[in-house]
Amino acid sequence: MTQDFIIYLGREAVYAILLLSGPLLGGSLLVGLLISIFQATTQIQEQTLTFVPKIVVVFISLVIFGPWMLNILLVFTQNLFSTIPQLML
């Protein structure tokens, strides 16, 4: 096990994490921004107004992107398990 191999595994793990969290965070960010603009224009300063739409968007994103996210996770796990024999060398 070399340093390059460990860096490669770490890079792949971070890349998988970014791919998995991107759709959920992006949707939540977009809804939060739209609600903040709405609150600023209507001068409604209710802090709890943003939570319900964000939760709904995250659940909808999970339903839409769930199979794709599961596939990314499965490919990463299969690649990780296939590199176990290289760790023994």
PDB file of N, CA and C in Angstrom:
ATOM      1  N   MET A   1       0.851  -1.165   0.000  1.00  0.00           N
ATOM      2  CA  MET A   1       0.000   0.000   0.000  1.00  0.00           C
ATOM      3  C   MET A   1       0.903   1.236   0.000  1.00  0.00           C
ATOM      4  N   THR A   2       0.796   2.010  -1.055  1.00  0.00           N
ATOM      5  CA  THR A   2       1.637   3.197  -1.188  1.00  0.00           C
ATOM      6  C   THR A   2       0.830   4.449  -0.866  1.00  0.00           C
ATOM      7  N   GLN A   3       1.564   5.547  -0.774  1.00  0.00           N
ATOM      8  CA  GLN A   3       0.906   6.824  -0.525  1.00  0.00           C
ATOM      9  C   GLN A   3      -0.011   7.209  -1.683  1.00  0.00           C
ATOM     10  N   ASP A   4       0.433   6.941  -2.890  1.00  0.00           N
ATOM     11  CA  ASP A   4      -0.382   7.274  -4.061  1.00  0.00           C
ATOM     12  C   ASP A   4      -1.705   6.515  -4.049  1.00  0.00           C
ATOM     13  N   PHE A   5      -1.661   5.265  -3.627  1.00  0.00           N
ATOM     14  CA  PHE A   5      -2.876   4.460  -3.571  1.00  0.00           C
ATOM     15  C   PHE A   5      -3.844   5.005  -2.522  1.00  0.00           C
ATOM     16  N   ILE A   6      -3.332   5.405  -1.380  1.00  0.00           N
ATOM     17  CA  ILE A   6      -4.173   5.968  -0.322  1.00  0.00           C
ATOM     18  C   ILE A   6      -4.777   7.292  -0.774  1.00  0.00           C
ATOM     19  N   ILE A   7      -3.981   8.115  -1.447  1.00  0.00           N
ATOM     20  CA  ILE A   7      -4.490   9.384  -1.974  1.00  0.00           C
ATOM     21  C   ILE A   7      -5.567   9.129  -3.021  1.00  0.00           C
ATOM     22  N   TYR A   8      -5.358   8.105  -3.852  1.00  0.00           N
ATOM     23  CA  TYR A   8      -6.358   7.748  -4.858  1.00  0.00           C
ATOM     24  C   TYR A   8      -7.669   7.332  -4.197  1.00  0.00           C
ATOM     25  N   LEU A   9      -7.595   6.493  -3.164  1.00  0.00           N
ATOM     26  CA  LEU A   9      -8.813   6.067  -2.460  1.00  0.00           C
ATOM     27  C   LEU A   9      -9.519   7.250  -1.799  1.00  0.00           C
ATOM     28  N   GLY A  10      -8.749   8.136  -1.193  1.00  0.00           N
ATOM     29  CA  GLY A  10      -9.342   9.321  -0.569  1.00  0.00           C
ATOM     30  C   GLY A  10     -10.004  10.235  -1.583  1.00  0.00           C
ATOM     31  N   ARG A  11      -9.344  10.406  -2.727  1.00  0.00           N
ATOM     32  CA  ARG A  11      -9.904  11.257  -3.779  1.00  0.00           C
ATOM     33  C   ARG A  11     -11.210  10.670  -4.312  1.00  0.00           C
ATOM     34  N   GLU A  12     -11.232   9.357  -4.520  1.00  0.00           N
ATOM     35  CA  GLU A  12     -12.452   8.707  -5.002  1.00  0.00           C
ATOM     36  C   GLU A  12     -13.580   8.804  -3.970  1.00  0.00           C
ATOM     37  N   ALA A  13     -13.241   8.704  -2.692  1.00  0.00           N
ATOM     38  CA  ALA A  13     -14.259   8.809  -1.644  1.00  0.00           C
ATOM     39  C   ALA A  13     -14.846  10.219  -1.600  1.00  0.00           C
ATOM     40  N   VAL A  14     -13.994  11.225  -1.681  1.00  0.00           N
ATOM     41  CA  VAL A  14     -14.479  12.608  -1.672  1.00  0.00           C
ATOM     42  C   VAL A  14     -15.324  12.883  -2.911  1.00  0.00           C
ATOM     43  N   TYR A  15     -14.902  12.360  -4.055  1.00  0.00           N
ATOM     44  CA  TYR A  15     -15.666  12.541  -5.293  1.00  0.00           C
ATOM     45  C   TYR A  15     -17.049  11.891  -5.180  1.00  0.00           C
ATOM     46  N   ALA A  16     -17.106  10.705  -4.595  1.00  0.00           N
ATOM     47  CA  ALA A  16     -18.393  10.028  -4.412  1.00  0.00           C
ATOM     48  C   ALA A  16     -19.285  10.810  -3.451  1.00  0.00           C
ATOM     49  N   ILE A  17     -18.706  11.346  -2.393  1.00  0.00           N
ATOM     50  CA  ILE A  17     -19.485  12.140  -1.440  1.00  0.00           C
ATOM     51  C   ILE A  17     -20.053  13.382  -2.112  1.00  0.00           C
ATOM     52  N   LEU A  18     -19.246  14.047  -2.930  1.00  0.00           N
ATOM     53  CA  LEU A  18     -19.730  15.235  -3.632  1.00  0.00           C
ATOM     54  C   LEU A  18     -20.847  14.889  -4.612  1.00  0.00           C
ATOM     55  N   LEU A  19     -20.702  13.771  -5.311  1.00  0.00           N
ATOM     56  CA  LEU A  19     -21.759  13.353  -6.235  1.00  0.00           C
ATOM     57  C   LEU A  19     -23.048  13.003  -5.498  1.00  0.00           C
ATOM     58  N   LEU A  20     -22.921  12.370  -4.345  1.00  0.00           N
ATOM     59  CA  LEU A  20     -24.107  11.957  -3.596  1.00  0.00           C
ATOM     60  C   LEU A  20     -24.819  13.136  -2.929  1.00  0.00           C
ATOM     61  N   SER A  21     -24.068  14.100  -2.457  1.00  0.00           N
ATOM     62  CA  SER A  21     -24.696  15.209  -1.739  1.00  0.00           C
ATOM     63  C   SER A  21     -25.078  16.367  -2.647  1.00  0.00           C
ATOM     64  N   GLY A  22     -24.561  16.412  -3.856  1.00  0.00           N
ATOM     65  CA  GLY A  22     -24.807  17.534  -4.754  1.00  0.00           C
ATOM     66  C   GLY A  22     -26.267  17.805  -5.068  1.00  0.00           C
ATOM     67  N   PRO A  23     -27.028  16.814  -5.530  1.00  0.00           N
ATOM     68  CA  PRO A  23     -28.429  17.093  -5.869  1.00  0.00           C
ATOM     69  C   PRO A  23     -29.268  17.547  -4.671  1.00  0.00           C
ATOM     70  N   LEU A  24     -29.022  16.961  -3.518  1.00  0.00           N
ATOM     71  CA  LEU A  24     -29.805  17.338  -2.335  1.00  0.00           C
ATOM     72  C   LEU A  24     -29.463  18.754  -1.883  1.00  0.00           C
ATOM     73  N   LEU A  25     -28.177  19.057  -1.828  1.00  0.00           N
ATOM     74  CA  LEU A  25     -27.767  20.386  -1.389  1.00  0.00           C
ATOM     75  C   LEU A  25     -28.125  21.452  -2.413  1.00  0.00           C
ATOM     76  N   GLY A  26     -28.011  21.113  -3.698  1.00  0.00           N
ATOM     77  CA  GLY A  26     -28.347  22.079  -4.741  1.00  0.00           C
ATOM     78  C   GLY A  26     -29.821  22.449  -4.725  1.00  0.00           C
ATOM     79  N   GLY A  27     -30.682  21.456  -4.603  1.00  0.00           N
ATOM     80  CA  GLY A  27     -32.118  21.736  -4.538  1.00  0.00           C
ATOM     81  C   GLY A  27     -32.492  22.533  -3.307  1.00  0.00           C
ATOM     82  N   SER A  28     -31.909  22.169  -2.184  1.00  0.00           N
ATOM     83  CA  SER A  28     -32.184  22.883  -0.947  1.00  0.00           C
ATOM     84  C   SER A  28     -31.683  24.325  -1.023  1.00  0.00           C
ATOM     85  N   LEU A  29     -30.527  24.513  -1.629  1.00  0.00           N
ATOM     86  CA  LEU A  29     -29.978  25.858  -1.781  1.00  0.00           C
ATOM     87  C   LEU A  29     -30.866  26.716  -2.673  1.00  0.00           C
ATOM     88  N   LEU A  30     -31.333  26.148  -3.768  1.00  0.00           N
ATOM     89  CA  LEU A  30     -32.183  26.892  -4.698  1.00  0.00           C
ATOM     90  C   LEU A  30     -33.506  27.289  -4.043  1.00  0.00           C
ATOM     91  N   VAL A  31     -34.129  26.364  -3.334  1.00  0.00           N
ATOM     92  CA  VAL A  31     -35.392  26.677  -2.660  1.00  0.00           C
ATOM     93  C   VAL A  31     -35.171  27.704  -1.557  1.00  0.00           C
ATOM     94  N   GLY A  32     -34.099  27.575  -0.805  1.00  0.00           N
ATOM     95  CA  GLY A  32     -33.796  28.549   0.241  1.00  0.00           C
ATOM     96  C   GLY A  32     -33.577  29.941  -0.321  1.00  0.00           C
ATOM     97  N   LEU A  33     -32.895  30.016  -1.457  1.00  0.00           N
ATOM     98  CA  LEU A  33     -32.659  31.308  -2.092  1.00  0.00           C
ATOM     99  C   LEU A  33     -33.965  31.926  -2.585  1.00  0.00           C
ATOM    100  N   LEU A  34     -34.810  31.115  -3.223  1.00  0.00           N
ATOM    101  CA  LEU A  34     -36.093  31.634  -3.713  1.00  0.00           C
ATOM    102  C   LEU A  34     -36.989  32.102  -2.567  1.00  0.00           C
ATOM    103  N   ILE A  35     -37.014  31.356  -1.485  1.00  0.00           N
ATOM    104  CA  ILE A  35     -37.842  31.750  -0.342  1.00  0.00           C
ATOM    105  C   ILE A  35     -37.273  33.000   0.322  1.00  0.00           C
ATOM    106  N   SER A  36     -35.957  33.122   0.366  1.00  0.00           N
ATOM    107  CA  SER A  36     -35.347  34.326   0.936  1.00  0.00           C
ATOM    108  C   SER A  36     -35.672  35.554   0.102  1.00  0.00           C
ATOM    109  N   ILE A  37     -35.651  35.403  -1.221  1.00  0.00           N
ATOM    110  CA  ILE A  37     -36.031  36.523  -2.092  1.00  0.00           C
ATOM    111  C   ILE A  37     -37.499  36.883  -1.866  1.00  0.00           C
ATOM    112  N   PHE A  38     -38.352  35.866  -1.754  1.00  0.00           N
ATOM    113  CA  PHE A  38     -39.773  36.108  -1.478  1.00  0.00           C
ATOM    114  C   PHE A  38     -39.955  36.825  -0.149  1.00  0.00           C
ATOM    115  N   GLN A  39     -39.223  36.408   0.878  1.00  0.00           N
ATOM    116  CA  GLN A  39     -39.336  37.044   2.189  1.00  0.00           C
ATOM    117  C   GLN A  39     -38.841  38.483   2.145  1.00  0.00           C
ATOM    118  N   ALA A  40     -37.794  38.742   1.376  1.00  0.00           N
ATOM    119  CA  ALA A  40     -37.266  40.098   1.299  1.00  0.00           C
ATOM    120  C   ALA A  40     -38.222  41.029   0.557  1.00  0.00           C
ATOM    121  N   THR A  41     -38.871  40.512  -0.481  1.00  0.00           N
ATOM    122  CA  THR A  41     -39.776  41.378  -1.241  1.00  0.00           C
ATOM    123  C   THR A  41     -41.094  41.619  -0.511  1.00  0.00           C
ATOM    124  N   THR A  42     -41.570  40.640   0.225  1.00  0.00           N
ATOM    125  CA  THR A  42     -42.840  40.811   0.940  1.00  0.00           C
ATOM    126  C   THR A  42     -42.643  41.255   2.383  1.00  0.00           C
ATOM    127  N   GLN A  43     -41.422  41.347   2.831  1.00  0.00           N
ATOM    128  CA  GLN A  43     -41.055  41.748   4.192  1.00  0.00           C
ATOM    129  C   GLN A  43     -41.666  40.832   5.252  1.00  0.00           C
ATOM    130  N   ILE A  44     -41.820  39.562   4.903  1.00  0.00           N
ATOM    131  CA  ILE A  44     -42.230  38.549   5.879  1.00  0.00           C
ATOM    132  C   ILE A  44     -40.948  37.998   6.497  1.00  0.00           C
ATOM    133  N   GLN A  45     -40.800  38.138   7.792  1.00  0.00           N
ATOM    134  CA  GLN A  45     -39.560  37.724   8.449  1.00  0.00           C
ATOM    135  C   GLN A  45     -39.761  36.493   9.333  1.00  0.00           C
ATOM    136  N   GLU A  46     -40.561  35.570   8.888  1.00  0.00           N
ATOM    137  CA  GLU A  46     -40.800  34.336   9.633  1.00  0.00           C
ATOM    138  C   GLU A  46     -39.660  33.358   9.347  1.00  0.00           C
ATOM    139  N   GLN A  47     -38.915  32.972  10.364  1.00  0.00           N
ATOM    140  CA  GLN A  47     -37.744  32.119  10.183  1.00  0.00           C
ATOM    141  C   GLN A  47     -38.110  30.677   9.862  1.00  0.00           C
ATOM    142  N   THR A  48     -39.258  30.231  10.308  1.00  0.00           N
ATOM    143  CA  THR A  48     -39.638  28.832  10.091  1.00  0.00           C
ATOM    144  C   THR A  48     -40.238  28.590   8.715  1.00  0.00           C
ATOM    145  N   LEU A  49     -40.438  29.639   7.935  1.00  0.00           N
ATOM    146  CA  LEU A  49     -41.054  29.511   6.616  1.00  0.00           C
ATOM    147  C   LEU A  49     -40.186  28.703   5.655  1.00  0.00           C
ATOM    148  N   THR A  50     -38.884  28.706   5.842  1.00  0.00           N
ATOM    149  CA  THR A  50     -37.991  28.038   4.890  1.00  0.00           C
ATOM    150  C   THR A  50     -37.867  26.539   5.133  1.00  0.00           C
ATOM    151  N   PHE A  51     -38.172  26.056   6.310  1.00  0.00           N
ATOM    152  CA  PHE A  51     -37.877  24.664   6.638  1.00  0.00           C
ATOM    153  C   PHE A  51     -38.753  23.654   5.908  1.00  0.00           C
ATOM    154  N   VAL A  52     -40.040  23.873   5.864  1.00  0.00           N
ATOM    155  CA  VAL A  52     -40.943  22.895   5.242  1.00  0.00           C
ATOM    156  C   VAL A  52     -40.667  22.743   3.747  1.00  0.00           C
ATOM    157  N   PRO A  53     -40.548  23.831   2.967  1.00  0.00           N
ATOM    158  CA  PRO A  53     -40.232  23.637   1.546  1.00  0.00           C
ATOM    159  C   PRO A  53     -38.887  22.958   1.313  1.00  0.00           C
ATOM    160  N   LYS A  54     -37.900  23.269   2.139  1.00  0.00           N
ATOM    161  CA  LYS A  54     -36.594  22.617   1.981  1.00  0.00           C
ATOM    162  C   LYS A  54     -36.695  21.119   2.241  1.00  0.00           C
ATOM    163  N   ILE A  55     -37.423  20.734   3.271  1.00  0.00           N
ATOM    164  CA  ILE A  55     -37.581  19.312   3.582  1.00  0.00           C
ATOM    165  C   ILE A  55     -38.321  18.603   2.458  1.00  0.00           C
ATOM    166  N   VAL A  56     -39.353  19.247   1.922  1.00  0.00           N
ATOM    167  CA  VAL A  56     -40.105  18.658   0.812  1.00  0.00           C
ATOM    168  C   VAL A  56     -39.207  18.478  -0.405  1.00  0.00           C
ATOM    169  N   VAL A  57     -38.391  19.485  -0.707  1.00  0.00           N
ATOM    170  CA  VAL A  57     -37.492  19.396  -1.866  1.00  0.00           C
ATOM    171  C   VAL A  57     -36.447  18.309  -1.660  1.00  0.00           C
ATOM    172  N   VAL A  58     -35.936  18.160  -0.456  1.00  0.00           N
ATOM    173  CA  VAL A  58     -34.951  17.109  -0.192  1.00  0.00           C
ATOM    174  C   VAL A  58     -35.581  15.733  -0.378  1.00  0.00           C
ATOM    175  N   PHE A  59     -36.789  15.528   0.106  1.00  0.00           N
ATOM    176  CA  PHE A  59     -37.451  14.232  -0.077  1.00  0.00           C
ATOM    177  C   PHE A  59     -37.777  13.965  -1.540  1.00  0.00           C
ATOM    178  N   ILE A  60     -38.223  14.982  -2.266  1.00  0.00           N
ATOM    179  CA  ILE A  60     -38.485  14.805  -3.696  1.00  0.00           C
ATOM    180  C   ILE A  60     -37.189  14.500  -4.437  1.00  0.00           C
ATOM    181  N   SER A  61     -36.106  15.180  -4.056  1.00  0.00           N
ATOM    182  CA  SER A  61     -34.803  14.909  -4.674  1.00  0.00           C
ATOM    183  C   SER A  61     -34.344  13.485  -4.389  1.00  0.00           C
ATOM    184  N   LEU A  62     -34.603  12.999  -3.182  1.00  0.00           N
ATOM    185  CA  LEU A  62     -34.250  11.616  -2.862  1.00  0.00           C
ATOM    186  C   LEU A  62     -35.030  10.629  -3.713  1.00  0.00           C
ATOM    187  N   VAL A  63     -36.298  10.922  -3.950  1.00  0.00           N
ATOM    188  CA  VAL A  63     -37.113  10.031  -4.782  1.00  0.00           C
ATOM    189  C   VAL A  63     -36.622  10.055  -6.226  1.00  0.00           C
ATOM    190  N   ILE A  64     -36.304  11.242  -6.730  1.00  0.00           N
ATOM    191  CA  ILE A  64     -35.881  11.367  -8.128  1.00  0.00           C
ATOM    192  C   ILE A  64     -34.465  10.843  -8.332  1.00  0.00           C
ATOM    193  N   PHE A  65     -33.530  11.283  -7.482  1.00  0.00           N
ATOM    194  CA  PHE A  65     -32.122  10.946  -7.670  1.00  0.00           C
ATOM    195  C   PHE A  65     -31.679   9.714  -6.886  1.00  0.00           C
ATOM    196  N   GLY A  66     -32.575   9.108  -6.121  1.00  0.00           N
ATOM    197  CA  GLY A  66     -32.216   7.962  -5.295  1.00  0.00           C
ATOM    198  C   GLY A  66     -31.592   6.806  -6.051  1.00  0.00           C
ATOM    199  N   PRO A  67     -32.191   6.342  -7.153  1.00  0.00           N
ATOM    200  CA  PRO A  67     -31.574   5.233  -7.891  1.00  0.00           C
ATOM    201  C   PRO A  67     -30.192   5.580  -8.442  1.00  0.00           C
ATOM    202  N   TRP A  68     -30.037   6.799  -8.923  1.00  0.00           N
ATOM    203  CA  TRP A  68     -28.736   7.235  -9.434  1.00  0.00           C
ATOM    204  C   TRP A  68     -27.701   7.289  -8.304  1.00  0.00           C
ATOM    205  N   MET A  69     -28.114   7.812  -7.146  1.00  0.00           N
ATOM    206  CA  MET A  69     -27.207   7.899  -6.005  1.00  0.00           C
ATOM    207  C   MET A  69     -26.821   6.506  -5.515  1.00  0.00           C
ATOM    208  N   LEU A  70     -27.774   5.591  -5.508  1.00  0.00           N
ATOM    209  CA  LEU A  70     -27.488   4.218  -5.099  1.00  0.00           C
ATOM    210  C   LEU A  70     -26.509   3.561  -6.060  1.00  0.00           C
ATOM    211  N   ASN A  71     -26.658   3.831  -7.348  1.00  0.00           N
ATOM    212  CA  ASN A  71     -25.735   3.285  -8.341  1.00  0.00           C
ATOM    213  C   ASN A  71     -24.321   3.820  -8.125  1.00  0.00           C
ATOM    214  N   ILE A  72     -24.186   5.112  -7.852  1.00  0.00           N
ATOM    215  CA  ILE A  72     -22.870   5.706  -7.580  1.00  0.00           C
ATOM    216  C   ILE A  72     -22.244   5.033  -6.360  1.00  0.00           C
ATOM    217  N   LEU A  73     -23.035   4.842  -5.321  1.00  0.00           N
ATOM    218  CA  LEU A  73     -22.531   4.219  -4.095  1.00  0.00           C
ATOM    219  C   LEU A  73     -22.144   2.765  -4.322  1.00  0.00           C
ATOM    220  N   LEU A  74     -22.929   2.043  -5.115  1.00  0.00           N
ATOM    221  CA  LEU A  74     -22.610   0.645  -5.408  1.00  0.00           C
ATOM    222  C   LEU A  74     -21.328   0.522  -6.225  1.00  0.00           C
ATOM    223  N   VAL A  75     -21.157   1.380  -7.222  1.00  0.00           N
ATOM    224  CA  VAL A  75     -19.938   1.343  -8.038  1.00  0.00           C
ATOM    225  C   VAL A  75     -18.722   1.661  -7.180  1.00  0.00           C
ATOM    226  N   PHE A  76     -18.838   2.667  -6.307  1.00  0.00           N
ATOM    227  CA  PHE A  76     -17.718   3.008  -5.429  1.00  0.00           C
ATOM    228  C   PHE A  76     -17.381   1.842  -4.502  1.00  0.00           C
ATOM    229  N   THR A  77     -18.401   1.208  -3.926  1.00  0.00           N
ATOM    230  CA  THR A  77     -18.166   0.091  -3.012  1.00  0.00           C
ATOM    231  C   THR A  77     -17.561  -1.104  -3.735  1.00  0.00           C
ATOM    232  N   GLN A  78     -18.041  -1.394  -4.935  1.00  0.00           N
ATOM    233  CA  GLN A  78     -17.464  -2.495  -5.713  1.00  0.00           C
ATOM    234  C   GLN A  78     -16.004  -2.223  -6.053  1.00  0.00           C
ATOM    235  N   ASN A  79     -15.699  -0.986  -6.429  1.00  0.00           N
ATOM    236  CA  ASN A  79     -14.301  -0.640  -6.715  1.00  0.00           C
ATOM    237  C   ASN A  79     -13.443  -0.747  -5.461  1.00  0.00           C
ATOM    238  N   LEU A  80     -13.998  -0.346  -4.335  1.00  0.00           N
ATOM    239  CA  LEU A  80     -13.254  -0.428  -3.084  1.00  0.00           C
ATOM    240  C   LEU A  80     -12.981  -1.878  -2.701  1.00  0.00           C
ATOM    241  N   PHE A  81     -13.991  -2.741  -2.837  1.00  0.00           N
ATOM    242  CA  PHE A  81     -13.795  -4.154  -2.515  1.00  0.00           C
ATOM    243  C   PHE A  81     -12.871  -4.846  -3.512  1.00  0.00           C
ATOM    244  N   SER A  82     -12.872  -4.397  -4.753  1.00  0.00           N
ATOM    245  CA  SER A  82     -11.980  -5.019  -5.739  1.00  0.00           C
ATOM    246  C   SER A  82     -10.522  -4.626  -5.520  1.00  0.00           C
ATOM    247  N   THR A  83     -10.266  -3.568  -4.766  1.00  0.00           N
ATOM    248  CA  THR A  83      -8.886  -3.169  -4.485  1.00  0.00           C
ATOM    249  C   THR A  83      -8.333  -3.817  -3.222  1.00  0.00           C
ATOM    250  N   ILE A  84      -9.136  -4.588  -2.505  1.00  0.00           N
ATOM    251  CA  ILE A  84      -8.653  -5.242  -1.281  1.00  0.00           C
ATOM    252  C   ILE A  84      -7.468  -6.172  -1.555  1.00  0.00           C
ATOM    253  N   PRO A  85      -7.470  -6.954  -2.641  1.00  0.00           N
ATOM    254  CA  PRO A  85      -6.280  -7.783  -2.895  1.00  0.00           C
ATOM    255  C   PRO A  85      -5.001  -6.965  -3.093  1.00  0.00           C
ATOM    256  N   GLN A  86      -5.116  -5.760  -3.614  1.00  0.00           N
ATOM    257  CA  GLN A  86      -3.935  -4.915  -3.785  1.00  0.00           C
ATOM    258  C   GLN A  86      -3.388  -4.445  -2.447  1.00  0.00           C
ATOM    259  N   LEU A  87      -4.238  -4.379  -1.440  1.00  0.00           N
ATOM    260  CA  LEU A  87      -3.789  -3.946  -0.123  1.00  0.00           C
ATOM    261  C   LEU A  87      -2.886  -4.978   0.534  1.00  0.00           C
ATOM    262  N   MET A  88      -3.033  -6.237   0.158  1.00  0.00           N
ATOM    263  CA  MET A  88      -2.247  -7.307   0.765  1.00  0.00           C
ATOM    264  C   MET A  88      -0.830  -7.382   0.201  1.00  0.00           C
ATOM    265  N   LEU A  89      -0.598  -6.723  -0.917  1.00  0.00           N
ATOM    266  CA  LEU A  89       0.744  -6.794  -1.531  1.00  0.00           C
ATOM    267  C   LEU A  89       1.729  -5.893  -0.868  1.00  0.00           C
TER     268      LEU A  89
END
